Amino acid sequence: MEEPKIAQKMPYAVEVEEGKTYYWCACGRSASQPFCDGSHKETSFTPVAFTAEKTETVHLCGCKHTNTPPFCDGTHAKL
């Protein structure tokens, strides 16, 4: 099974806007971390779309191994 590239071993704190849809990079190859830039096209990964429920700061997974994509669940501490 193909493993994602670890972009960083900590979450990305990102401001999101209520009602806006975002595409989280699942492969770890994007130059626009934590968001997708299309770099996954030669992999088996696809970005994870999510719509912000409210305007706030969220913590998106940087290690790409979370069990709650796109949000950090602390998995990076075990890598």
C-alpha atoms as a PDB file:
ATOM      1  CA  MET A   1       0.000   0.000   0.000  1.00  0.00           C
ATOM      2  CA  GLU A   2       1.316   3.435  -0.934  1.00  0.00           C
ATOM      3  CA  GLU A   3       2.285   5.630   2.027  1.00  0.00           C
ATOM      4  CA  PRO A   4       1.725   9.398   2.079  1.00  0.00           C
ATOM      5  CA  LYS A   5       4.750  11.678   2.345  1.00  0.00           C
ATOM      6  CA  ILE A   6       4.986  13.340   5.756  1.00  0.00           C
ATOM      7  CA  ALA A   7       4.773  17.058   4.996  1.00  0.00           C
ATOM      8  CA  GLN A   8       5.526  17.985   8.633  1.00  0.00           C
ATOM      9  CA  LYS A   9       5.202  16.263  12.004  1.00  0.00           C
ATOM     10  CA  MET A  10       2.799  18.825  13.413  1.00  0.00           C
ATOM     11  CA  PRO A  11      -0.601  20.192  12.421  1.00  0.00           C
ATOM     12  CA  TYR A  12      -1.215  23.262  10.289  1.00  0.00           C
ATOM     13  CA  ALA A  13      -3.275  25.934  12.083  1.00  0.00           C
ATOM     14  CA  VAL A  14      -5.457  27.394   9.331  1.00  0.00           C
ATOM     15  CA  GLU A  15      -8.181  30.042   9.296  1.00  0.00           C
ATOM     16  CA  VAL A  16     -11.242  28.755   7.415  1.00  0.00           C
ATOM     17  CA  GLU A  17     -14.375  30.633   6.376  1.00  0.00           C
ATOM     18  CA  GLU A  18     -17.891  29.371   7.067  1.00  0.00           C
ATOM     19  CA  GLY A  19     -19.458  27.748   4.002  1.00  0.00           C
ATOM     20  CA  LYS A  20     -16.219  27.647   1.974  1.00  0.00           C
ATOM     21  CA  THR A  21     -14.974  24.302   0.630  1.00  0.00           C
ATOM     22  CA  TYR A  22     -11.313  23.354   1.032  1.00  0.00           C
ATOM     23  CA  TYR A  23      -9.276  20.465  -0.392  1.00  0.00           C
ATOM     24  CA  TRP A  24      -6.783  18.966   2.057  1.00  0.00           C
ATOM     25  CA  CYS A  25      -3.689  17.312   0.595  1.00  0.00           C
ATOM     26  CA  ALA A  26      -3.712  13.606   1.504  1.00  0.00           C
ATOM     27  CA  CYS A  27      -0.529  12.594  -0.358  1.00  0.00           C
ATOM     28  CA  GLY A  28       1.872  15.027   1.330  1.00  0.00           C
ATOM     29  CA  ARG A  29       3.399  16.158  -1.987  1.00  0.00           C
ATOM     30  CA  SER A  30       1.626  19.502  -2.417  1.00  0.00           C
ATOM     31  CA  ALA A  31       3.745  22.654  -2.383  1.00  0.00           C
ATOM     32  CA  SER A  32       0.639  24.441  -1.030  1.00  0.00           C
ATOM     33  CA  GLN A  33       0.424  22.509   2.266  1.00  0.00           C
ATOM     34  CA  PRO A  34      -1.912  21.703   3.832  1.00  0.00           C
ATOM     35  CA  PHE A  35      -4.014  22.170   0.710  1.00  0.00           C
ATOM     36  CA  CYS A  36      -3.986  20.248  -2.563  1.00  0.00           C
ATOM     37  CA  ASP A  37      -2.143  21.617  -5.600  1.00  0.00           C
ATOM     38  CA  GLY A  38      -2.694  18.589  -7.855  1.00  0.00           C
ATOM     39  CA  SER A  39       0.619  16.868  -7.020  1.00  0.00           C
ATOM     40  CA  HIS A  40      -1.247  13.644  -6.188  1.00  0.00           C
ATOM     41  CA  LYS A  41      -2.055  12.960  -9.848  1.00  0.00           C
ATOM     42  CA  GLU A  42       0.699  10.329 -10.161  1.00  0.00           C
ATOM     43  CA  THR A  43      -0.289   8.632  -6.889  1.00  0.00           C
ATOM     44  CA  SER A  44      -3.253   6.636  -5.614  1.00  0.00           C
ATOM     45  CA  PHE A  45      -4.253   9.501  -3.297  1.00  0.00           C
ATOM     46  CA  THR A  46      -7.087  11.971  -3.726  1.00  0.00           C
ATOM     47  CA  PRO A  47      -7.603  15.195  -1.777  1.00  0.00           C
ATOM     48  CA  VAL A  48     -10.168  15.336   1.021  1.00  0.00           C
ATOM     49  CA  ALA A  49     -12.841  17.984   0.482  1.00  0.00           C
ATOM     50  CA  PHE A  50     -14.422  19.625   3.495  1.00  0.00           C
ATOM     51  CA  THR A  51     -16.697  22.609   3.987  1.00  0.00           C
ATOM     52  CA  ALA A  52     -16.063  24.829   6.981  1.00  0.00           C
ATOM     53  CA  GLU A  53     -18.999  24.801   9.401  1.00  0.00           C
ATOM     54  CA  LYS A  54     -17.965  28.166  10.827  1.00  0.00           C
ATOM     55  CA  THR A  55     -15.237  30.770  10.489  1.00  0.00           C
ATOM     56  CA  GLU A  56     -12.501  29.627  12.850  1.00  0.00           C
ATOM     57  CA  THR A  57      -8.976  28.287  13.190  1.00  0.00           C
ATOM     58  CA  VAL A  58      -8.756  24.538  12.539  1.00  0.00           C
ATOM     59  CA  HIS A  59      -5.780  22.203  12.882  1.00  0.00           C
ATOM     60  CA  LEU A  60      -5.244  20.211   9.708  1.00  0.00           C
ATOM     61  CA  CYS A  61      -3.052  17.133   9.717  1.00  0.00           C
ATOM     62  CA  GLY A  62       0.501  17.691   8.495  1.00  0.00           C
ATOM     63  CA  CYS A  63       1.806  14.126   8.847  1.00  0.00           C
ATOM     64  CA  LYS A  64      -0.947  12.714   6.567  1.00  0.00           C
ATOM     65  CA  HIS A  65      -1.479   9.717   8.877  1.00  0.00           C
ATOM     66  CA  THR A  66      -4.486  11.012  10.868  1.00  0.00           C
ATOM     67  CA  ASN A  67      -7.458   8.742  11.500  1.00  0.00           C
ATOM     68  CA  THR A  68      -9.751  11.790  11.260  1.00  0.00           C
ATOM     69  CA  PRO A  69      -8.835  13.416   7.924  1.00  0.00           C
ATOM     70  CA  PRO A  70      -8.376  16.252   7.314  1.00  0.00           C
ATOM     71  CA  PHE A  71      -8.076  17.124  11.003  1.00  0.00           C
ATOM     72  CA  CYS A  72      -5.129  16.379  13.288  1.00  0.00           C
ATOM     73  CA  ASP A  73      -5.720  13.617  15.841  1.00  0.00           C
ATOM     74  CA  GLY A  74      -2.226  13.579  17.372  1.00  0.00           C
ATOM     75  CA  THR A  75      -0.928  10.645  15.292  1.00  0.00           C
ATOM     76  CA  HIS A  76       2.197  12.671  14.429  1.00  0.00           C
ATOM     77  CA  ALA A  77       3.428  12.169  18.007  1.00  0.00           C
ATOM     78  CA  LYS A  78       3.730   8.420  17.343  1.00  0.00           C
ATOM     79  CA  LEU A  79       5.675   8.646  14.064  1.00  0.00           C
END
